[in-house]
């Protein structure tokens, strides 16, 4: 059975070294996905062979092939739609505060301290992106 979001967060902490290696393997192949999707992929692969969390293979090509097979469809390529409300900062600056839920940050692979950019579409929607 696939782990819930909070269970995946715990797996990400418990197997941080594995996640780092898997992310490096994916980045080398030109794939940029969230840690949550990496955990999801490896948990699904492990579950597929009736294990809780398998040891990573030594071979990078084998690791990459497995990850690509088990990553969620469109991981790293699809837009995530989320609605939120801007809150007035209350400091006289005219700035607003946008609170982003932890689950959204995990889905996007964003972390506290990331630089974000915001743009406005012709229809008035705002698009928030992490600056690379």
C-alpha atoms as a PDB file:
ATOM      1  CA  UNK A   1       0.000   0.000   0.000  1.00  0.00           C
ATOM      2  CA  UNK A   2       1.377   3.395  -0.984  1.00  0.00           C
ATOM      3  CA  UNK A   3       2.413   5.753   1.814  1.00  0.00           C
ATOM      4  CA  UNK A   4       0.398   8.865   2.569  1.00  0.00           C
ATOM      5  CA  UNK A   5       1.895  12.334   2.176  1.00  0.00           C
ATOM      6  CA  UNK A   6       2.949  12.484   5.846  1.00  0.00           C
ATOM      7  CA  UNK A   7       4.441   8.980   5.616  1.00  0.00           C
ATOM      8  CA  UNK A   8       6.409  10.041   2.535  1.00  0.00           C
ATOM      9  CA  UNK A   9       7.730  13.038   4.473  1.00  0.00           C
ATOM     10  CA  UNK A  10       8.979  10.687   7.197  1.00  0.00           C
ATOM     11  CA  UNK A  11      10.573   8.400   4.596  1.00  0.00           C
ATOM     12  CA  UNK A  12      12.309  11.418   3.045  1.00  0.00           C
ATOM     13  CA  UNK A  13      13.850  12.258   6.421  1.00  0.00           C
ATOM     14  CA  UNK A  14      14.724   8.662   7.270  1.00  0.00           C
ATOM     15  CA  UNK A  15      16.344   7.970   3.888  1.00  0.00           C
ATOM     16  CA  UNK A  16      17.741  11.444   3.136  1.00  0.00           C
ATOM     17  CA  UNK A  17      20.996  10.027   1.742  1.00  0.00           C
ATOM     18  CA  UNK A  18      19.070   7.794  -0.678  1.00  0.00           C
ATOM     19  CA  UNK A  19      16.898  10.735  -1.770  1.00  0.00           C
ATOM     20  CA  UNK A  20      19.997  12.852  -2.427  1.00  0.00           C
ATOM     21  CA  UNK A  21      21.535  10.097  -4.565  1.00  0.00           C
ATOM     22  CA  UNK A  22      18.301   9.536  -6.502  1.00  0.00           C
ATOM     23  CA  UNK A  23      17.937  13.290  -7.109  1.00  0.00           C
ATOM     24  CA  UNK A  24      21.547  13.457  -8.347  1.00  0.00           C
ATOM     25  CA  UNK A  25      20.889  10.543 -10.699  1.00  0.00           C
ATOM     26  CA  UNK A  26      17.764  12.230 -12.081  1.00  0.00           C
ATOM     27  CA  UNK A  27      19.446  15.658 -12.403  1.00  0.00           C
ATOM     28  CA  UNK A  28      22.304  14.073 -14.354  1.00  0.00           C
ATOM     29  CA  UNK A  29      19.683  12.700 -16.755  1.00  0.00           C
ATOM     30  CA  UNK A  30      18.072  16.149 -17.082  1.00  0.00           C
ATOM     31  CA  UNK A  31      15.023  15.362 -14.929  1.00  0.00           C
ATOM     32  CA  UNK A  32      14.040  17.733 -12.138  1.00  0.00           C
ATOM     33  CA  UNK A  33      11.382  16.348  -9.813  1.00  0.00           C
ATOM     34  CA  UNK A  34      10.358  16.994  -6.242  1.00  0.00           C
ATOM     35  CA  UNK A  35      11.690  14.962  -3.338  1.00  0.00           C
ATOM     36  CA  UNK A  36       8.112  13.838  -2.716  1.00  0.00           C
ATOM     37  CA  UNK A  37       7.888  12.341  -6.220  1.00  0.00           C
ATOM     38  CA  UNK A  38      11.247  10.609  -5.737  1.00  0.00           C
ATOM     39  CA  UNK A  39      10.058   9.087  -2.459  1.00  0.00           C
ATOM     40  CA  UNK A  40       6.791   8.116  -4.133  1.00  0.00           C
ATOM     41  CA  UNK A  41       8.628   6.373  -6.988  1.00  0.00           C
ATOM     42  CA  UNK A  42      10.983   4.393  -4.753  1.00  0.00           C
ATOM     43  CA  UNK A  43       8.201   3.482  -2.327  1.00  0.00           C
ATOM     44  CA  UNK A  44       6.062   2.244  -5.222  1.00  0.00           C
ATOM     45  CA  UNK A  45       8.964   0.213  -6.614  1.00  0.00           C
ATOM     46  CA  UNK A  46       9.680  -1.251  -3.171  1.00  0.00           C
ATOM     47  CA  UNK A  47       5.995  -2.033  -2.663  1.00  0.00           C
ATOM     48  CA  UNK A  48       5.889  -3.693  -6.097  1.00  0.00           C
ATOM     49  CA  UNK A  49       8.374  -6.306  -4.839  1.00  0.00           C
ATOM     50  CA  UNK A  50       6.670  -6.537  -1.410  1.00  0.00           C
ATOM     51  CA  UNK A  51       9.284  -4.567   0.526  1.00  0.00           C
ATOM     52  CA  UNK A  52       9.017  -1.450   2.660  1.00  0.00           C
ATOM     53  CA  UNK A  53      12.153   0.365   1.337  1.00  0.00           C
ATOM     54  CA  UNK A  54      14.713  -1.356  -0.868  1.00  0.00           C
ATOM     55  CA  UNK A  55      18.425  -0.604  -0.863  1.00  0.00           C
ATOM     56  CA  UNK A  56      19.433   1.402  -3.926  1.00  0.00           C
ATOM     57  CA  UNK A  57      21.322  -0.469  -6.653  1.00  0.00           C
ATOM     58  CA  UNK A  58      25.020   0.355  -7.107  1.00  0.00           C
ATOM     59  CA  UNK A  59      24.568   0.868 -10.847  1.00  0.00           C
ATOM     60  CA  UNK A  60      23.397   4.398 -11.749  1.00  0.00           C
ATOM     61  CA  UNK A  61      21.807   3.283 -15.030  1.00  0.00           C
ATOM     62  CA  UNK A  62      19.722   0.676 -13.193  1.00  0.00           C
ATOM     63  CA  UNK A  63      18.707   3.256 -10.582  1.00  0.00           C
ATOM     64  CA  UNK A  64      17.675   5.755 -13.267  1.00  0.00           C
ATOM     65  CA  UNK A  65      15.696   3.148 -15.200  1.00  0.00           C
ATOM     66  CA  UNK A  66      13.807   2.134 -12.055  1.00  0.00           C
ATOM     67  CA  UNK A  67      13.067   5.720 -11.047  1.00  0.00           C
ATOM     68  CA  UNK A  68      11.803   6.661 -14.498  1.00  0.00           C
ATOM     69  CA  UNK A  69       9.562   3.600 -14.533  1.00  0.00           C
ATOM     70  CA  UNK A  70       7.968   4.390 -11.166  1.00  0.00           C
ATOM     71  CA  UNK A  71       7.833   8.201 -11.141  1.00  0.00           C
ATOM     72  CA  UNK A  72       4.263   9.512 -11.172  1.00  0.00           C
ATOM     73  CA  UNK A  73       3.018  10.337 -14.653  1.00  0.00           C
ATOM     74  CA  UNK A  74       4.186  13.817 -15.677  1.00  0.00           C
ATOM     75  CA  UNK A  75       6.411  14.273 -12.608  1.00  0.00           C
ATOM     76  CA  UNK A  76       8.521  17.356 -13.118  1.00  0.00           C
ATOM     77  CA  UNK A  77       6.595  18.485 -16.189  1.00  0.00           C
ATOM     78  CA  UNK A  78       3.046  19.291 -15.149  1.00  0.00           C
ATOM     79  CA  UNK A  79       1.741  22.530 -13.708  1.00  0.00           C
ATOM     80  CA  UNK A  80       0.206  22.410 -10.264  1.00  0.00           C
ATOM     81  CA  UNK A  81      -2.889  24.524  -9.800  1.00  0.00           C
ATOM     82  CA  UNK A  82      -3.550  25.857  -6.310  1.00  0.00           C
ATOM     83  CA  UNK A  83      -5.709  28.681  -5.051  1.00  0.00           C
ATOM     84  CA  UNK A  84      -4.810  30.838  -2.085  1.00  0.00           C
ATOM     85  CA  UNK A  85      -5.584  34.288  -0.724  1.00  0.00           C
ATOM     86  CA  UNK A  86      -3.149  37.172  -0.360  1.00  0.00           C
ATOM     87  CA  UNK A  87      -3.021  38.597   3.146  1.00  0.00           C
ATOM     88  CA  UNK A  88      -2.167  42.234   3.863  1.00  0.00           C
ATOM     89  CA  UNK A  89       1.258  42.435   5.536  1.00  0.00           C
ATOM     90  CA  UNK A  90       0.019  45.115   7.930  1.00  0.00           C
ATOM     91  CA  UNK A  91       3.337  46.948   8.047  1.00  0.00           C
ATOM     92  CA  UNK A  92       2.392  49.929   5.857  1.00  0.00           C
ATOM     93  CA  UNK A  93       4.509  48.675   2.938  1.00  0.00           C
ATOM     94  CA  UNK A  94       1.553  47.692   0.750  1.00  0.00           C
ATOM     95  CA  UNK A  95       3.039  44.186   0.520  1.00  0.00           C
ATOM     96  CA  UNK A  96       0.995  41.022   0.732  1.00  0.00           C
ATOM     97  CA  UNK A  97       1.746  37.646   2.256  1.00  0.00           C
ATOM     98  CA  UNK A  98       0.899  34.390   0.505  1.00  0.00           C
ATOM     99  CA  UNK A  99       0.936  31.340   2.759  1.00  0.00           C
ATOM    100  CA  UNK A 100       1.883  28.152   0.904  1.00  0.00           C
ATOM    101  CA  UNK A 101       0.893  24.851   2.537  1.00  0.00           C
ATOM    102  CA  UNK A 102       3.646  22.337   3.341  1.00  0.00           C
ATOM    103  CA  UNK A 103       2.044  19.760   1.035  1.00  0.00           C
ATOM    104  CA  UNK A 104       2.223  22.165  -1.909  1.00  0.00           C
ATOM    105  CA  UNK A 105       5.863  23.022  -1.167  1.00  0.00           C
ATOM    106  CA  UNK A 106       6.694  19.315  -1.093  1.00  0.00           C
ATOM    107  CA  UNK A 107       4.876  18.681  -4.395  1.00  0.00           C
ATOM    108  CA  UNK A 108       6.814  21.485  -6.031  1.00  0.00           C
ATOM    109  CA  UNK A 109      10.135  20.607  -4.430  1.00  0.00           C
ATOM    110  CA  UNK A 110      10.388  24.132  -2.964  1.00  0.00           C
ATOM    111  CA  UNK A 111      12.070  24.910   0.335  1.00  0.00           C
ATOM    112  CA  UNK A 112      12.201  27.882   2.707  1.00  0.00           C
ATOM    113  CA  UNK A 113      14.762  30.313   1.313  1.00  0.00           C
ATOM    114  CA  UNK A 114      14.057  29.608  -2.379  1.00  0.00           C
ATOM    115  CA  UNK A 115      13.730  32.711  -4.564  1.00  0.00           C
ATOM    116  CA  UNK A 116      10.338  32.938  -6.281  1.00  0.00           C
ATOM    117  CA  UNK A 117       9.153  35.011  -9.237  1.00  0.00           C
ATOM    118  CA  UNK A 118       5.603  36.080  -9.914  1.00  0.00           C
ATOM    119  CA  UNK A 119       3.990  37.011 -13.231  1.00  0.00           C
ATOM    120  CA  UNK A 120       0.479  37.929 -14.310  1.00  0.00           C
ATOM    121  CA  UNK A 121      -1.327  36.382 -17.274  1.00  0.00           C
ATOM    122  CA  UNK A 122      -3.566  38.327 -19.658  1.00  0.00           C
ATOM    123  CA  UNK A 123      -6.581  36.816 -17.850  1.00  0.00           C
ATOM    124  CA  UNK A 124      -5.350  38.191 -14.504  1.00  0.00           C
ATOM    125  CA  UNK A 125      -4.058  34.947 -12.971  1.00  0.00           C
ATOM    126  CA  UNK A 126      -0.801  35.103 -11.093  1.00  0.00           C
ATOM    127  CA  UNK A 127       1.902  32.529 -11.781  1.00  0.00           C
ATOM    128  CA  UNK A 128       4.445  31.789  -9.083  1.00  0.00           C
ATOM    129  CA  UNK A 129       7.680  30.054 -10.090  1.00  0.00           C
ATOM    130  CA  UNK A 130      10.931  29.214  -8.366  1.00  0.00           C
ATOM    131  CA  UNK A 131      13.803  31.164  -9.874  1.00  0.00           C
ATOM    132  CA  UNK A 132      16.572  28.825 -11.044  1.00  0.00           C
END
